[in-house]
Protein backbone atom coordinates (compact mmCIF):
# COMPACT_ATOMS: atom_id res chain seq x y z
CA MET A 1 0.00 0.00 0.00
CA THR A 2 2.81 2.39 0.81
CA ASN A 3 4.18 1.99 -2.70
CA LEU A 4 0.82 2.92 -4.24
CA PHE A 5 0.90 6.63 -3.38
CA PRO A 6 4.23 7.41 -5.09
CA THR A 7 2.96 5.54 -8.17
CA LEU A 8 -0.26 7.56 -8.29
CA ALA A 9 1.65 10.78 -7.73
CA ALA A 10 4.09 9.93 -10.51
CA SER A 11 1.28 9.08 -12.94
CA SER A 12 -0.59 12.29 -12.11
CA VAL A 13 2.55 14.28 -12.94
CA GLN A 14 3.41 12.26 -16.03
CA GLY A 15 0.13 13.07 -17.85
CA PRO A 16 0.49 16.89 -17.76
CA THR A 17 4.22 16.57 -18.51
CA ILE A 18 3.53 14.61 -21.71
CA PHE A 19 0.85 17.12 -22.70
CA LEU A 20 3.24 20.02 -22.16
CA ALA A 21 6.00 18.26 -24.12
CA ILE A 22 3.69 17.57 -27.08
CA GLY A 23 2.38 21.15 -27.02
CA PHE A 24 5.92 22.52 -26.90
CA LEU A 25 6.95 20.35 -29.85
CA VAL A 26 3.92 21.48 -31.90
CA GLY A 27 4.70 25.12 -31.12
CA VAL A 28 8.33 24.72 -32.20
CA VAL A 29 7.36 22.95 -35.45
CA LEU A 30 4.84 25.68 -36.37
CA PHE A 31 7.37 28.38 -35.48
CA VAL A 32 10.06 26.78 -37.66
CA LEU A 33 7.62 26.27 -40.57
CA GLY A 34 6.63 29.92 -40.34
CA PHE A 35 10.24 31.06 -40.67
CA ARG A 36 10.71 28.61 -43.55
CA PHE A 37 7.86 30.25 -45.47
CA TYR A 38 9.20 33.69 -44.55
CA ARG A 39 12.61 32.70 -45.92
CA GLU A 40 11.00 31.55 -49.18
CA TYR A 41 9.14 34.85 -49.37
CA ARG A 42 12.34 36.85 -48.88
CA ILE A 43 14.29 34.77 -51.41
CA LEU A 44 11.51 35.12 -53.99
CA GLU A 45 11.31 38.86 -53.44
CA ASP A 46 15.07 39.44 -53.42
CA THR A 47 15.98 37.18 -56.37
CA PRO A 48 15.20 38.91 -59.68
CA VAL A 49 13.70 36.97 -62.57
CA ALA A 50 16.46 35.92 -64.97
CA PRO A 51 16.15 35.11 -68.68
CA ILE A 52 16.51 31.36 -69.18
CA ARG A 53 19.20 31.71 -71.87
CA SER A 54 21.59 33.31 -69.33
CA ILE A 55 20.71 31.71 -65.99
CA PRO A 56 23.77 31.07 -63.80
CA MET A 57 24.51 27.97 -61.77
CA GLY A 58 22.97 28.06 -58.32
CA LEU A 59 19.70 29.53 -57.05
CA VAL A 60 17.61 31.11 -59.82
CA HIS A 61 14.19 32.70 -60.26
CA VAL A 62 12.66 32.07 -63.70
CA HIS A 63 9.30 32.49 -65.37
CA GLY A 64 7.91 31.01 -68.57
CA LYS A 65 5.51 28.50 -70.09
CA THR A 66 5.47 24.78 -69.34
CA THR A 67 6.22 22.66 -72.41
CA GLY A 68 7.22 19.09 -73.22
CA GLU A 69 5.79 15.97 -74.82
CA ASP A 70 5.84 13.69 -71.77
CA ARG A 71 2.50 14.81 -70.38
CA LEU A 72 0.07 13.39 -67.88
CA THR A 73 -3.72 13.52 -68.01
CA SER A 74 -5.31 14.77 -64.81
CA PRO A 75 -7.66 12.18 -63.25
CA LEU A 76 -10.71 14.39 -62.72
CA THR A 77 -10.71 17.18 -65.33
CA GLY A 78 -8.82 15.18 -67.97
CA VAL A 79 -6.52 18.06 -68.97
CA PRO A 80 -2.84 17.75 -70.03
CA CYS A 81 -0.44 18.50 -67.20
CA TYR A 82 2.99 17.70 -65.75
CA TYR A 83 1.82 17.31 -62.17
CA TYR A 84 -1.47 16.54 -60.49
CA LYS A 85 -2.66 15.89 -56.98
CA VAL A 86 -6.14 14.65 -56.12
CA GLU A 87 -7.33 14.60 -52.52
CA VAL A 88 -10.52 12.84 -51.44
CA GLU A 89 -11.97 13.70 -48.04
CA LYS A 90 -14.93 12.21 -46.22
CA TRP A 91 -17.28 14.16 -43.96
CA VAL A 92 -17.26 12.50 -40.54
CA PRO A 93 -20.12 13.60 -38.23
CA LYS A 94 -19.14 14.48 -34.67
CA ASP A 95 -21.12 15.36 -31.54
CA LYS A 96 -21.20 19.05 -32.42
CA GLY A 97 -20.99 19.08 -36.20
CA GLY A 98 -18.26 17.17 -38.00
CA GLU A 99 -14.94 17.39 -39.82
CA TRP A 100 -13.30 16.43 -43.10
CA GLU A 101 -11.09 13.36 -42.91
CA LYS A 102 -8.63 12.67 -45.72
CA ILE A 103 -9.12 9.15 -47.08
CA ARG A 104 -7.17 9.16 -50.32
CA THR A 105 -4.44 11.09 -52.13
CA ASP A 106 -3.31 10.40 -55.71
CA SER A 107 -0.48 12.25 -57.43
CA GLY A 108 1.80 12.07 -60.44
CA GLU A 109 4.50 14.19 -62.02
CA ARG A 110 6.73 14.33 -65.10
CA LYS A 111 9.80 16.26 -66.12
CA PHE A 112 9.00 19.26 -68.31
CA ARG A 113 10.59 22.29 -69.91
CA LEU A 114 10.15 25.93 -69.08
CA ASP A 115 10.29 28.30 -72.06
CA ASP A 116 10.41 32.10 -71.71
CA GLY A 117 11.08 32.96 -75.36
CA SER A 118 14.81 33.49 -74.82
CA GLY A 119 15.36 29.77 -74.37
CA ASN A 120 14.12 26.74 -72.49
CA VAL A 121 15.39 24.61 -69.64
CA LEU A 122 14.62 21.10 -68.42
CA VAL A 123 12.94 20.88 -65.00
CA ASP A 124 13.18 17.84 -62.74
CA PRO A 125 10.31 18.47 -60.27
CA GLN A 126 11.25 15.72 -57.82
CA HIS A 127 10.89 16.97 -54.21
CA ALA A 128 9.48 20.32 -55.39
CA GLU A 129 7.04 22.33 -53.32
CA TYR A 130 3.99 23.04 -55.50
CA ASN A 131 1.78 26.05 -54.89
CA LEU A 132 -1.07 25.73 -57.37
CA PRO A 133 -4.69 26.89 -57.40
CA PRO A 134 -7.31 24.12 -57.57
CA THR A 135 -8.45 23.12 -61.05
CA PHE A 136 -11.49 21.33 -59.61
CA ARG A 137 -13.30 21.09 -56.30
CA ALA A 138 -16.61 19.42 -55.48
CA GLU A 139 -18.61 18.17 -52.52
CA VAL A 140 -20.91 15.25 -53.28
CA GLY A 141 -23.30 13.49 -50.95
CA PRO A 142 -26.62 13.64 -49.11
CA LEU A 143 -25.52 16.62 -46.99
CA LYS A 144 -23.67 18.88 -49.41
CA HIS A 145 -23.59 19.56 -53.16
CA SER A 146 -21.18 22.05 -54.70
CA ARG A 147 -18.67 22.13 -57.54
CA HIS A 148 -16.17 24.51 -59.09
CA VAL A 149 -14.14 24.02 -62.26
CA ASP A 150 -11.38 26.40 -63.29
CA PRO A 151 -13.10 28.26 -66.17
CA SER A 152 -9.80 28.68 -68.04
CA LEU A 153 -9.68 24.91 -68.65
CA GLY A 154 -12.61 25.03 -71.07
CA VAL A 155 -13.94 21.67 -69.86
CA PRO A 156 -17.12 20.84 -67.91
CA GLY A 157 -15.28 18.73 -65.37
CA PRO A 158 -16.29 15.30 -64.06
CA SER A 159 -19.93 14.45 -63.51
CA GLU A 160 -21.19 13.14 -60.19
CA GLN A 161 -21.21 9.67 -61.75
CA ASP A 162 -17.54 10.11 -62.73
CA LEU A 163 -16.68 11.05 -59.16
CA HIS A 164 -18.46 7.98 -57.80
CA SER A 165 -16.59 5.80 -60.29
CA TYR A 166 -13.28 7.36 -59.26
CA LEU A 167 -14.10 6.69 -55.62
CA THR A 168 -15.34 3.12 -56.08
CA GLY A 169 -12.23 2.23 -58.05
CA ASP A 170 -10.43 2.30 -54.71
CA VAL A 171 -13.13 0.02 -53.23
CA SER A 172 -12.43 -2.56 -55.95
CA SER A 173 -8.79 -2.66 -54.86
CA ALA A 174 -9.87 -3.16 -51.25
CA GLN A 175 -12.14 -6.05 -52.27
CA LYS A 176 -9.29 -7.81 -54.09
CA ALA A 177 -7.02 -7.35 -51.09
CA LEU A 178 -9.65 -8.82 -48.77
CA ALA A 179 -10.22 -11.78 -51.05
CA SER A 180 -6.51 -12.60 -51.06
CA MET A 181 -6.29 -12.53 -47.26
CA GLY A 182 -8.34 -15.69 -46.70
CA VAL A 183 -9.16 -14.82 -43.10
CA PRO A 184 -12.51 -15.35 -41.31
CA GLY A 185 -14.90 -12.49 -41.96
CA ALA A 186 -13.05 -11.22 -45.05
CA ASN A 187 -15.74 -12.52 -47.43
CA ALA A 188 -18.52 -10.92 -45.41
CA LEU A 189 -16.71 -7.57 -45.34
CA GLY A 190 -16.08 -7.89 -49.07
CA LYS A 191 -19.82 -8.31 -49.65
CA VAL A 192 -20.52 -5.18 -47.61
CA LEU A 193 -18.03 -3.24 -49.73
CA ALA A 194 -19.66 -4.66 -52.87
CA VAL A 195 -23.09 -3.40 -51.77
CA GLY A 196 -21.64 0.04 -51.05
CA GLN A 197 -19.90 0.04 -54.43
CA LYS A 198 -23.14 -0.87 -56.19
CA LEU A 199 -25.01 1.96 -54.50
CA GLU A 200 -22.22 4.43 -55.26
CA SER A 201 -22.20 3.37 -58.92
CA MET A 202 -25.95 4.04 -59.06
CA GLY A 203 -25.36 7.54 -57.74
CA VAL A 204 -26.62 6.76 -54.24
CA SER A 205 -23.94 8.24 -52.00
CA LEU A 206 -23.78 6.77 -48.53
CA SER A 207 -21.51 9.56 -47.29
CA THR A 208 -20.46 13.06 -48.25
CA TYR A 209 -17.12 13.39 -50.01
CA ARG A 210 -14.97 16.32 -51.08
CA PHE A 211 -12.77 16.04 -54.19
CA THR A 212 -9.96 18.53 -54.84
CA GLU A 213 -7.61 18.50 -57.82
CA HIS A 214 -4.50 20.65 -58.34
CA CYS A 215 -2.56 20.58 -61.62
CA LEU A 216 0.53 22.10 -63.18
CA LEU A 217 -1.06 22.60 -66.57
CA ALA A 218 0.71 22.20 -69.90
CA GLU A 219 1.40 25.34 -71.95
CA ARG A 220 0.63 27.64 -69.02
CA ASP A 221 2.62 30.32 -67.21
CA CYS A 222 4.80 29.02 -64.42
CA THR A 223 7.28 30.52 -61.96
CA ILE A 224 10.11 28.46 -60.49
CA LEU A 225 12.49 29.24 -57.66
CA GLY A 226 15.11 26.50 -57.62
CA THR A 227 18.69 25.49 -58.30
CA CYS A 228 20.28 25.48 -61.74
CA ALA A 229 22.75 22.61 -62.19
CA GLU A 230 24.48 20.87 -65.07
CA ASN A 231 22.24 18.57 -67.10
CA PRO A 232 23.81 15.09 -66.97
CA SER A 233 22.12 14.05 -70.25
CA PRO A 234 22.02 17.07 -72.59
CA LYS A 235 20.47 16.69 -76.03
CA ASP A 236 22.59 19.47 -77.56
CA GLU A 237 24.70 22.48 -76.60
CA HIS A 238 21.56 24.43 -75.70
CA ASP A 239 20.45 21.78 -73.21
CA ARG A 240 23.22 22.02 -70.64
CA ASN A 241 21.16 23.30 -67.70
CA LEU A 242 18.72 21.57 -65.38
CA LEU A 243 16.44 23.03 -62.71
CA LEU A 244 16.03 20.90 -59.59
CA ARG A 245 16.14 20.91 -55.81
CA GLY A 246 19.66 21.75 -54.74
CA GLN A 247 21.74 19.73 -52.31
CA ASN A 248 22.68 22.75 -50.22
CA GLU A 249 19.86 25.19 -51.04
CA LYS A 250 16.65 23.20 -50.52
CA THR A 251 14.29 25.92 -51.76
CA PHE A 252 12.44 24.55 -54.79
CA LEU A 253 9.11 26.22 -55.48
CA ILE A 254 6.93 25.62 -58.55
CA THR A 255 3.83 27.76 -58.88
CA SER A 256 1.35 28.88 -61.51
CA LYS A 257 0.21 31.82 -59.40
CA THR A 258 1.27 35.38 -60.20
CA GLU A 259 4.25 36.90 -58.40
CA GLN A 260 1.95 39.05 -56.28
CA GLN A 261 -0.30 36.11 -55.39
CA ILE A 262 2.53 33.82 -54.34
CA GLU A 263 4.33 36.52 -52.35
CA THR A 264 1.11 37.41 -50.53
CA SER A 265 0.38 33.73 -49.86
CA LEU A 266 3.87 33.06 -48.46
CA ARG A 267 3.81 36.22 -46.35
CA TRP A 268 0.48 35.38 -44.71
CA LYS A 269 1.44 31.73 -44.19
CA ALA A 270 4.65 32.81 -42.50
CA LEU A 271 2.94 35.37 -40.30
CA GLY A 272 0.12 33.02 -39.30
CA LEU A 273 2.40 30.09 -38.42
CA ILE A 274 4.90 32.24 -36.52
CA LEU A 275 2.15 33.89 -34.46
CA LEU A 276 0.39 30.56 -33.82
CA GLY A 277 3.63 28.83 -32.84
CA ALA A 278 4.60 31.71 -30.54
CA ALA A 279 1.15 31.71 -28.91
CA ILE A 280 1.35 27.95 -28.24
CA LEU A 281 4.88 28.24 -26.81
CA LEU A 282 3.84 31.13 -24.56
CA GLY A 283 0.77 29.22 -23.40
CA ILE A 284 2.79 26.07 -22.65
CA THR A 285 5.38 28.12 -20.76
CA ALA A 286 2.68 29.81 -18.69
CA VAL A 287 1.07 26.44 -17.82
CA ALA A 288 4.46 24.95 -16.89
CA LEU A 289 5.32 27.91 -14.64
CA HIS A 290 1.90 27.77 -13.00
CA SER A 291 2.25 24.01 -12.39
CA ALA A 292 5.64 24.62 -10.80
CA GLY A 293 4.16 27.30 -8.52
CA MET A 294 6.23 30.04 -10.11
CA LEU A 295 3.32 31.95 -11.62
């Protein structure tokens, strides 16, 4: 019995300590991310746009049109692009409302060229940070119905039936995985998924989903802040440069937004994250001091 009280006391202290440690870590991460966005903002603002034909080795800021034959087709809008990202979220009801829960993310990217009229350069987008406006966004289900397609695409966008088909394609993969498991209950669960898939294919949505697509469109204006290096596989004497993420300078931003839009976006992101991180750190410090009887 005498050993019980120290154990209870230790456990009562351990809970708040873990909470404070997690809160402190979150505050530090947000604070660091804020300064990272601020650094990108300052680099973008302080690095002038250079003509592609005369870009030097190292960090460069270039602007032009995306070109190249190795194109992708975006999954939802079906437009030619060099990068796409599709996020599917599900509305999960809670006691006082609900929240969006991400259930699926699909993405793809290809190398492309950036042409500003003075010349063109090959871009390897691996590990790039994309900042792109949505080409498509829709909410489909019994609770919400809305859709927006970028009018500059000139396409109607996917129908509700197309969205259900896109979603149930993932269910088919789940059914195959369950069938291969051969464990008790797998067949029954597979039948439940099959019923849900059938209803979804008929346009009867059992839940509310949000679809968002971002694309780096072909033959569109694009701004890149990245590192210029030597192209290891040049096609000719005019193909000696390559834009990529540098080994020392990690800044590698690809955006189709205007200079003013991207600078404003980075500035507000930086300010918001720095203030939020500082507020969390101050709050955690105040709680820790109060718990220690120093405040």
